[in-house]
């Protein structure tokens, strides 16, 4: 076991440089992805922090980080407030939060997470056809203006 005095405190900033740089570059966009998923600001923050902590140096791009945020929300164990406990006017994203989890996750990845529908399907473990069908139906049901990134790709 190493003595506490033998630990170089200046080594920690080097180890944290990648995640901190990624946070500087992507904080606003990752927060937007997390806000699409949950009304709970603290839970959204935890999702972003966990994504940064879980990523290796090679995964610090926005697409990898946003996939971590969404999959942690979708498959994680953290409880968050039920939509029925929240007033409808809490956020303009209320309609998005009323979507089933898989549809919300796909929309978050494709609309705000820089994923094509194929990338999102792979990240969530659904088929490309399923992802495209769910996104098309979701966008139509929400009457979202403009195309969802990746839907124009050929199947």
N, C-alpha and C. Protein backbone atom coordinates (compact mmCIF):
# COMPACT_ATOMS: atom_id res chain seq x y z
N UNK A 1 0.84 -1.19 0.00
CA UNK A 1 0.00 0.00 0.00
C UNK A 1 0.88 1.25 0.00
N UNK A 2 0.55 2.18 -0.84
CA UNK A 2 1.34 3.41 -0.94
C UNK A 2 0.98 4.37 0.18
N UNK A 3 1.98 5.03 0.66
CA UNK A 3 1.73 6.04 1.69
C UNK A 3 1.06 7.24 1.05
N UNK A 4 0.22 7.90 1.82
CA UNK A 4 -0.47 9.08 1.32
C UNK A 4 0.51 10.13 0.82
N UNK A 5 1.66 10.22 1.48
CA UNK A 5 2.64 11.23 1.09
C UNK A 5 3.29 10.93 -0.26
N UNK A 6 3.19 9.66 -0.73
CA UNK A 6 3.80 9.31 -2.01
C UNK A 6 2.88 9.58 -3.20
N UNK A 7 1.66 9.98 -2.95
CA UNK A 7 0.71 10.27 -4.03
C UNK A 7 0.93 11.70 -4.51
N UNK A 8 1.13 11.83 -5.79
CA UNK A 8 1.37 13.14 -6.38
C UNK A 8 0.04 13.81 -6.68
N UNK A 9 -0.33 14.85 -5.93
CA UNK A 9 -1.63 15.49 -6.16
C UNK A 9 -1.73 16.16 -7.52
N UNK A 10 -0.61 16.46 -8.15
CA UNK A 10 -0.68 17.09 -9.47
C UNK A 10 -1.06 16.10 -10.56
N UNK A 11 -1.06 14.79 -10.25
CA UNK A 11 -1.44 13.78 -11.24
C UNK A 11 -2.95 13.77 -11.47
N UNK A 12 -3.72 14.13 -10.48
CA UNK A 12 -5.18 14.11 -10.60
C UNK A 12 -5.70 15.01 -11.72
N UNK A 13 -5.20 16.25 -11.84
CA UNK A 13 -5.71 17.08 -12.93
C UNK A 13 -5.48 16.47 -14.31
N UNK A 14 -4.35 15.78 -14.51
CA UNK A 14 -4.11 15.13 -15.80
C UNK A 14 -5.15 14.06 -16.06
N UNK A 15 -5.48 13.30 -15.04
CA UNK A 15 -6.45 12.22 -15.18
C UNK A 15 -7.85 12.78 -15.45
N UNK A 16 -8.13 13.96 -14.94
CA UNK A 16 -9.46 14.56 -15.11
C UNK A 16 -9.55 15.48 -16.31
N UNK A 17 -8.43 15.75 -16.96
CA UNK A 17 -8.43 16.71 -18.06
C UNK A 17 -9.40 16.33 -19.16
N UNK A 18 -9.43 15.06 -19.57
CA UNK A 18 -10.33 14.63 -20.64
C UNK A 18 -11.79 14.86 -20.31
N UNK A 19 -12.27 14.32 -19.17
CA UNK A 19 -13.67 14.54 -18.82
C UNK A 19 -14.02 16.02 -18.61
N UNK A 20 -13.11 16.80 -18.04
CA UNK A 20 -13.40 18.22 -17.83
C UNK A 20 -13.46 18.97 -19.15
N UNK A 21 -12.56 18.63 -20.07
CA UNK A 21 -12.63 19.24 -21.40
C UNK A 21 -13.94 18.87 -22.10
N UNK A 22 -14.33 17.60 -21.97
CA UNK A 22 -15.59 17.15 -22.57
C UNK A 22 -16.77 17.88 -21.95
N UNK A 23 -16.71 18.09 -20.63
CA UNK A 23 -17.78 18.82 -19.96
C UNK A 23 -17.85 20.25 -20.48
N UNK A 24 -16.70 20.89 -20.62
CA UNK A 24 -16.68 22.26 -21.16
C UNK A 24 -17.28 22.32 -22.55
N UNK A 25 -16.95 21.34 -23.38
CA UNK A 25 -17.43 21.35 -24.77
C UNK A 25 -18.89 20.97 -24.91
N UNK A 26 -19.36 20.04 -24.07
CA UNK A 26 -20.66 19.44 -24.32
C UNK A 26 -21.70 19.63 -23.22
N UNK A 27 -21.40 20.39 -22.18
CA UNK A 27 -22.30 20.49 -21.04
C UNK A 27 -23.71 20.93 -21.44
N UNK A 28 -23.81 21.97 -22.22
CA UNK A 28 -25.14 22.49 -22.58
C UNK A 28 -25.93 21.46 -23.40
N UNK A 29 -25.27 20.83 -24.35
CA UNK A 29 -25.96 19.85 -25.19
C UNK A 29 -26.33 18.59 -24.40
N UNK A 30 -25.43 18.14 -23.52
CA UNK A 30 -25.76 16.97 -22.69
C UNK A 30 -26.90 17.29 -21.73
N UNK A 31 -26.92 18.50 -21.22
CA UNK A 31 -28.02 18.92 -20.33
C UNK A 31 -29.34 18.93 -21.08
N UNK A 32 -29.31 19.33 -22.35
CA UNK A 32 -30.53 19.33 -23.16
C UNK A 32 -31.02 17.90 -23.39
N UNK A 33 -30.10 16.97 -23.64
CA UNK A 33 -30.48 15.56 -23.79
C UNK A 33 -31.12 15.07 -22.49
N UNK A 34 -30.48 15.33 -21.36
CA UNK A 34 -31.00 14.88 -20.06
C UNK A 34 -32.34 15.54 -19.74
N UNK A 35 -32.49 16.82 -20.08
CA UNK A 35 -33.74 17.52 -19.81
C UNK A 35 -34.89 16.98 -20.64
N UNK A 36 -34.59 16.38 -21.78
CA UNK A 36 -35.62 15.73 -22.59
C UNK A 36 -36.17 14.51 -21.88
N UNK A 37 -35.36 13.92 -21.03
CA UNK A 37 -35.71 12.67 -20.38
C UNK A 37 -36.38 12.84 -19.02
N UNK A 38 -36.02 13.86 -18.27
CA UNK A 38 -36.50 13.99 -16.90
C UNK A 38 -36.78 15.43 -16.52
N UNK A 39 -37.81 15.63 -15.71
CA UNK A 39 -38.12 16.96 -15.16
C UNK A 39 -37.25 17.29 -13.96
N UNK A 40 -36.64 16.29 -13.37
CA UNK A 40 -35.85 16.45 -12.16
C UNK A 40 -34.46 16.97 -12.52
N UNK A 41 -34.18 18.22 -12.19
CA UNK A 41 -32.90 18.85 -12.54
C UNK A 41 -31.73 18.10 -11.91
N UNK A 42 -31.89 17.68 -10.67
CA UNK A 42 -30.81 16.94 -10.01
C UNK A 42 -30.55 15.60 -10.70
N UNK A 43 -31.62 14.91 -11.08
CA UNK A 43 -31.45 13.64 -11.78
C UNK A 43 -30.78 13.85 -13.13
N UNK A 44 -31.15 14.90 -13.84
CA UNK A 44 -30.51 15.22 -15.12
C UNK A 44 -29.02 15.48 -14.93
N UNK A 45 -28.67 16.21 -13.88
CA UNK A 45 -27.27 16.48 -13.60
C UNK A 45 -26.51 15.20 -13.29
N UNK A 46 -27.13 14.32 -12.51
CA UNK A 46 -26.50 13.04 -12.18
C UNK A 46 -26.26 12.23 -13.45
N UNK A 47 -27.22 12.24 -14.37
CA UNK A 47 -27.05 11.50 -15.63
C UNK A 47 -25.85 12.01 -16.43
N UNK A 48 -25.69 13.32 -16.48
CA UNK A 48 -24.56 13.91 -17.21
C UNK A 48 -23.24 13.56 -16.53
N UNK A 49 -23.20 13.69 -15.22
CA UNK A 49 -21.97 13.39 -14.48
C UNK A 49 -21.60 11.91 -14.62
N UNK A 50 -22.59 11.04 -14.53
CA UNK A 50 -22.32 9.61 -14.70
C UNK A 50 -21.80 9.30 -16.09
N UNK A 51 -22.34 9.96 -17.10
CA UNK A 51 -21.85 9.74 -18.46
C UNK A 51 -20.38 10.12 -18.57
N UNK A 52 -20.02 11.25 -18.00
CA UNK A 52 -18.63 11.68 -18.03
C UNK A 52 -17.73 10.71 -17.27
N UNK A 53 -18.22 10.22 -16.14
CA UNK A 53 -17.43 9.29 -15.33
C UNK A 53 -17.28 7.93 -16.00
N UNK A 54 -18.29 7.51 -16.74
CA UNK A 54 -18.28 6.18 -17.35
C UNK A 54 -17.47 6.11 -18.63
N UNK A 55 -17.28 7.22 -19.28
CA UNK A 55 -16.60 7.22 -20.57
C UNK A 55 -15.09 7.14 -20.40
N UNK A 56 -14.48 6.39 -21.30
CA UNK A 56 -13.03 6.34 -21.36
C UNK A 56 -12.55 7.49 -22.23
N UNK A 57 -11.25 7.68 -22.29
CA UNK A 57 -10.70 8.79 -23.08
C UNK A 57 -11.16 8.73 -24.54
N UNK A 58 -11.31 7.54 -25.08
CA UNK A 58 -11.74 7.41 -26.47
C UNK A 58 -13.22 7.63 -26.68
N UNK A 59 -13.98 7.75 -25.61
CA UNK A 59 -15.44 7.90 -25.71
C UNK A 59 -15.92 9.27 -25.28
N UNK A 60 -15.06 10.27 -25.31
CA UNK A 60 -15.45 11.57 -24.79
C UNK A 60 -16.06 12.48 -25.85
N UNK A 61 -16.46 11.92 -26.98
CA UNK A 61 -17.18 12.68 -27.98
C UNK A 61 -18.65 12.81 -27.58
N UNK A 62 -19.32 13.79 -28.17
CA UNK A 62 -20.70 14.07 -27.80
C UNK A 62 -21.62 12.88 -28.02
N UNK A 63 -21.45 12.17 -29.12
CA UNK A 63 -22.34 11.05 -29.42
C UNK A 63 -22.22 9.96 -28.36
N UNK A 64 -21.00 9.62 -27.96
CA UNK A 64 -20.81 8.60 -26.93
C UNK A 64 -21.39 9.06 -25.60
N UNK A 65 -21.13 10.31 -25.26
CA UNK A 65 -21.62 10.84 -23.98
C UNK A 65 -23.15 10.89 -23.96
N UNK A 66 -23.76 11.34 -25.05
CA UNK A 66 -25.23 11.41 -25.07
C UNK A 66 -25.84 10.02 -25.01
N UNK A 67 -25.19 9.03 -25.63
CA UNK A 67 -25.67 7.65 -25.53
C UNK A 67 -25.60 7.15 -24.10
N UNK A 68 -24.54 7.51 -23.38
CA UNK A 68 -24.43 7.13 -21.96
C UNK A 68 -25.55 7.77 -21.14
N UNK A 69 -25.84 9.04 -21.39
CA UNK A 69 -26.91 9.73 -20.65
C UNK A 69 -28.23 9.00 -20.85
N UNK A 70 -28.56 8.71 -22.10
CA UNK A 70 -29.85 8.09 -22.41
C UNK A 70 -29.94 6.66 -21.89
N UNK A 71 -28.91 5.86 -22.10
CA UNK A 71 -28.99 4.47 -21.64
C UNK A 71 -28.98 4.38 -20.12
N UNK A 72 -28.28 5.29 -19.45
CA UNK A 72 -28.32 5.30 -17.98
C UNK A 72 -29.72 5.64 -17.49
N UNK A 73 -30.36 6.61 -18.16
CA UNK A 73 -31.73 6.97 -17.78
C UNK A 73 -32.69 5.81 -18.05
N UNK A 74 -32.54 5.20 -19.22
CA UNK A 74 -33.48 4.16 -19.65
C UNK A 74 -33.33 2.89 -18.84
N UNK A 75 -32.10 2.50 -18.55
CA UNK A 75 -31.86 1.21 -17.90
C UNK A 75 -31.36 1.32 -16.47
N UNK A 76 -31.14 2.54 -15.97
CA UNK A 76 -30.61 2.73 -14.62
C UNK A 76 -31.65 2.42 -13.55
N UNK A 77 -31.18 2.38 -12.33
CA UNK A 77 -32.04 2.02 -11.20
C UNK A 77 -32.58 3.23 -10.45
N UNK A 78 -32.13 4.43 -10.78
CA UNK A 78 -32.55 5.61 -10.03
C UNK A 78 -34.03 5.90 -10.23
N UNK A 79 -34.69 6.15 -9.14
CA UNK A 79 -36.10 6.55 -9.22
C UNK A 79 -36.15 8.04 -9.49
N UNK A 80 -37.14 8.45 -10.21
CA UNK A 80 -37.36 9.87 -10.44
C UNK A 80 -38.85 10.13 -10.27
N UNK A 81 -39.24 11.39 -10.08
CA UNK A 81 -40.65 11.68 -9.87
C UNK A 81 -41.51 11.20 -11.04
N UNK A 82 -42.67 10.69 -10.72
CA UNK A 82 -43.62 10.27 -11.74
C UNK A 82 -44.20 11.50 -12.41
N UNK A 83 -44.53 11.37 -13.70
CA UNK A 83 -45.16 12.49 -14.39
C UNK A 83 -46.46 12.91 -13.73
N UNK A 84 -47.15 11.95 -13.13
CA UNK A 84 -48.42 12.29 -12.49
C UNK A 84 -48.21 13.18 -11.27
N UNK A 85 -46.98 13.20 -10.72
CA UNK A 85 -46.69 14.03 -9.56
C UNK A 85 -46.27 15.44 -9.95
N UNK A 86 -46.06 15.69 -11.22
CA UNK A 86 -45.56 16.98 -11.67
C UNK A 86 -46.66 17.78 -12.35
N UNK A 87 -46.71 19.08 -12.09
CA UNK A 87 -47.69 19.91 -12.79
C UNK A 87 -47.35 19.99 -14.28
N UNK A 88 -48.36 20.07 -15.11
CA UNK A 88 -48.17 20.08 -16.56
C UNK A 88 -47.32 21.26 -17.02
N UNK A 89 -47.36 22.37 -16.29
CA UNK A 89 -46.63 23.55 -16.73
C UNK A 89 -45.18 23.59 -16.25
N UNK A 90 -44.68 22.49 -15.68
CA UNK A 90 -43.30 22.46 -15.19
C UNK A 90 -42.33 22.80 -16.31
N UNK A 91 -42.59 22.36 -17.51
CA UNK A 91 -41.63 22.56 -18.59
C UNK A 91 -42.33 22.48 -19.93
N UNK A 92 -41.70 23.11 -20.92
CA UNK A 92 -42.24 23.02 -22.28
C UNK A 92 -42.01 21.64 -22.86
N UNK A 93 -41.19 20.83 -22.21
CA UNK A 93 -40.92 19.47 -22.68
C UNK A 93 -41.89 18.46 -22.11
N UNK A 94 -42.96 18.92 -21.49
CA UNK A 94 -43.91 18.01 -20.84
C UNK A 94 -44.45 16.95 -21.81
N UNK A 95 -44.76 17.36 -23.04
CA UNK A 95 -45.28 16.39 -24.01
C UNK A 95 -44.27 15.30 -24.31
N UNK A 96 -42.99 15.68 -24.39
CA UNK A 96 -41.95 14.68 -24.63
C UNK A 96 -41.87 13.70 -23.48
N UNK A 97 -42.03 14.19 -22.28
CA UNK A 97 -41.90 13.32 -21.12
C UNK A 97 -43.10 12.40 -20.96
N UNK A 98 -44.16 12.65 -21.68
CA UNK A 98 -45.30 11.76 -21.66
C UNK A 98 -45.14 10.57 -22.59
N UNK A 99 -44.09 10.57 -23.38
CA UNK A 99 -43.84 9.46 -24.31
C UNK A 99 -43.36 8.23 -23.55
N UNK A 100 -43.60 7.05 -24.11
CA UNK A 100 -43.01 5.84 -23.53
C UNK A 100 -41.49 5.95 -23.52
N UNK A 101 -40.82 5.29 -22.59
CA UNK A 101 -39.37 5.45 -22.42
C UNK A 101 -38.53 5.22 -23.68
N UNK A 102 -38.81 4.18 -24.43
CA UNK A 102 -37.99 3.90 -25.62
C UNK A 102 -38.14 5.00 -26.66
N UNK A 103 -39.37 5.47 -26.88
CA UNK A 103 -39.59 6.54 -27.84
C UNK A 103 -38.90 7.82 -27.39
N UNK A 104 -38.98 8.13 -26.11
CA UNK A 104 -38.33 9.33 -25.58
C UNK A 104 -36.81 9.22 -25.73
N UNK A 105 -36.27 8.04 -25.44
CA UNK A 105 -34.83 7.83 -25.57
C UNK A 105 -34.38 7.98 -27.03
N UNK A 106 -35.13 7.39 -27.96
CA UNK A 106 -34.79 7.52 -29.38
C UNK A 106 -34.83 8.97 -29.84
N UNK A 107 -35.87 9.68 -29.43
CA UNK A 107 -35.99 11.08 -29.83
C UNK A 107 -34.87 11.92 -29.23
N UNK A 108 -34.53 11.67 -27.97
CA UNK A 108 -33.44 12.41 -27.33
C UNK A 108 -32.12 12.19 -28.06
N UNK A 109 -31.84 10.95 -28.42
CA UNK A 109 -30.59 10.65 -29.11
C UNK A 109 -30.56 11.26 -30.51
N UNK A 110 -31.66 11.14 -31.25
CA UNK A 110 -31.67 11.60 -32.64
C UNK A 110 -31.83 13.10 -32.77
N UNK A 111 -32.64 13.69 -31.93
CA UNK A 111 -32.91 15.12 -32.05
C UNK A 111 -31.84 15.96 -31.37
N UNK A 112 -31.39 15.52 -30.19
CA UNK A 112 -30.46 16.32 -29.41
C UNK A 112 -29.10 15.66 -29.20
N UNK A 113 -28.99 14.36 -29.48
CA UNK A 113 -27.77 13.63 -29.18
C UNK A 113 -26.88 13.33 -30.36
N UNK A 114 -27.15 13.92 -31.53
CA UNK A 114 -26.30 13.78 -32.70
C UNK A 114 -26.20 12.35 -33.21
N UNK A 115 -27.26 11.56 -33.03
CA UNK A 115 -27.27 10.18 -33.52
C UNK A 115 -28.20 10.06 -34.73
N UNK A 116 -27.85 9.18 -35.65
CA UNK A 116 -28.79 8.79 -36.69
C UNK A 116 -29.73 7.77 -36.05
N UNK A 117 -30.81 7.43 -36.72
CA UNK A 117 -31.71 6.44 -36.15
C UNK A 117 -31.00 5.10 -36.00
N UNK A 118 -30.06 4.81 -36.89
CA UNK A 118 -29.31 3.56 -36.79
C UNK A 118 -28.40 3.55 -35.57
N UNK A 119 -27.70 4.67 -35.34
CA UNK A 119 -26.85 4.77 -34.15
C UNK A 119 -27.68 4.62 -32.88
N UNK A 120 -28.83 5.29 -32.86
CA UNK A 120 -29.70 5.22 -31.68
C UNK A 120 -30.22 3.79 -31.48
N UNK A 121 -30.59 3.14 -32.56
CA UNK A 121 -31.06 1.75 -32.46
C UNK A 121 -29.98 0.86 -31.87
N UNK A 122 -28.76 1.02 -32.35
CA UNK A 122 -27.65 0.22 -31.83
C UNK A 122 -27.40 0.51 -30.35
N UNK A 123 -27.46 1.78 -29.97
CA UNK A 123 -27.22 2.16 -28.57
C UNK A 123 -28.28 1.58 -27.64
N UNK A 124 -29.51 1.48 -28.13
CA UNK A 124 -30.62 1.03 -27.29
C UNK A 124 -30.96 -0.44 -27.47
N UNK A 125 -30.31 -1.09 -28.43
CA UNK A 125 -30.54 -2.52 -28.62
C UNK A 125 -31.85 -2.86 -29.30
N UNK A 126 -32.31 -1.99 -30.20
CA UNK A 126 -33.50 -2.28 -30.99
C UNK A 126 -33.07 -2.34 -32.46
N UNK A 127 -33.92 -2.92 -33.30
CA UNK A 127 -33.57 -3.01 -34.72
C UNK A 127 -33.66 -1.63 -35.36
N UNK A 128 -32.96 -1.48 -36.48
CA UNK A 128 -33.00 -0.21 -37.21
C UNK A 128 -34.43 0.09 -37.68
N UNK A 129 -35.13 -0.93 -38.14
CA UNK A 129 -36.51 -0.74 -38.60
C UNK A 129 -37.41 -0.30 -37.45
N UNK A 130 -37.25 -0.91 -36.30
CA UNK A 130 -38.04 -0.53 -35.13
C UNK A 130 -37.77 0.93 -34.76
N UNK A 131 -36.50 1.31 -34.73
CA UNK A 131 -36.15 2.69 -34.38
C UNK A 131 -36.76 3.67 -35.38
N UNK A 132 -36.63 3.39 -36.67
CA UNK A 132 -37.18 4.29 -37.68
C UNK A 132 -38.70 4.40 -37.56
N UNK A 133 -39.37 3.28 -37.35
CA UNK A 133 -40.83 3.29 -37.22
C UNK A 133 -41.27 4.06 -35.98
N UNK A 134 -40.61 3.80 -34.85
CA UNK A 134 -40.97 4.49 -33.61
C UNK A 134 -40.72 5.99 -33.72
N UNK A 135 -39.59 6.37 -34.31
CA UNK A 135 -39.29 7.80 -34.46
C UNK A 135 -40.29 8.49 -35.37
N UNK A 136 -40.64 7.85 -36.46
CA UNK A 136 -41.61 8.43 -37.39
C UNK A 136 -42.95 8.64 -36.69
N UNK A 137 -43.42 7.62 -35.99
CA UNK A 137 -44.70 7.74 -35.28
C UNK A 137 -44.62 8.79 -34.17
N UNK A 138 -43.50 8.83 -33.47
CA UNK A 138 -43.34 9.79 -32.38
C UNK A 138 -43.33 11.22 -32.89
N UNK A 139 -42.57 11.46 -33.95
CA UNK A 139 -42.50 12.80 -34.52
C UNK A 139 -43.88 13.24 -35.03
N UNK A 140 -44.58 12.34 -35.68
CA UNK A 140 -45.93 12.67 -36.16
C UNK A 140 -46.87 12.97 -35.00
N UNK A 141 -46.77 12.18 -33.94
CA UNK A 141 -47.69 12.39 -32.81
C UNK A 141 -47.40 13.70 -32.09
N UNK A 142 -46.16 14.13 -32.10
CA UNK A 142 -45.80 15.38 -31.44
C UNK A 142 -45.91 16.58 -32.38
N UNK A 143 -46.07 16.31 -33.67
CA UNK A 143 -46.12 17.36 -34.68
C UNK A 143 -44.88 18.24 -34.59
N UNK A 144 -43.71 17.59 -34.45
CA UNK A 144 -42.44 18.30 -34.38
C UNK A 144 -42.11 18.82 -35.77
N UNK A 145 -41.80 20.10 -35.86
CA UNK A 145 -41.45 20.69 -37.15
C UNK A 145 -40.03 20.30 -37.53
N UNK A 146 -39.82 20.00 -38.79
CA UNK A 146 -38.49 19.67 -39.28
C UNK A 146 -38.18 18.20 -39.13
N UNK A 147 -37.22 17.73 -39.91
CA UNK A 147 -36.88 16.31 -39.88
C UNK A 147 -36.08 15.95 -38.64
N UNK A 148 -36.23 14.72 -38.19
CA UNK A 148 -35.41 14.19 -37.12
C UNK A 148 -34.14 13.68 -37.78
N UNK A 149 -32.99 14.08 -37.27
CA UNK A 149 -31.71 13.68 -37.86
C UNK A 149 -31.67 12.18 -38.06
N UNK A 150 -31.29 11.77 -39.24
CA UNK A 150 -31.09 10.36 -39.52
C UNK A 150 -32.28 9.69 -40.17
N UNK A 151 -33.48 10.28 -40.12
CA UNK A 151 -34.64 9.62 -40.71
C UNK A 151 -34.59 9.62 -42.23
N UNK A 152 -33.84 10.53 -42.81
CA UNK A 152 -33.76 10.58 -44.26
C UNK A 152 -32.80 9.53 -44.81
N UNK A 153 -31.97 8.91 -43.92
CA UNK A 153 -31.05 7.87 -44.37
C UNK A 153 -31.83 6.70 -44.92
N UNK A 154 -31.25 6.02 -45.89
CA UNK A 154 -31.92 4.85 -46.44
C UNK A 154 -31.84 3.69 -45.47
N UNK A 155 -32.85 2.85 -45.46
CA UNK A 155 -32.91 1.74 -44.51
C UNK A 155 -32.10 0.59 -44.90
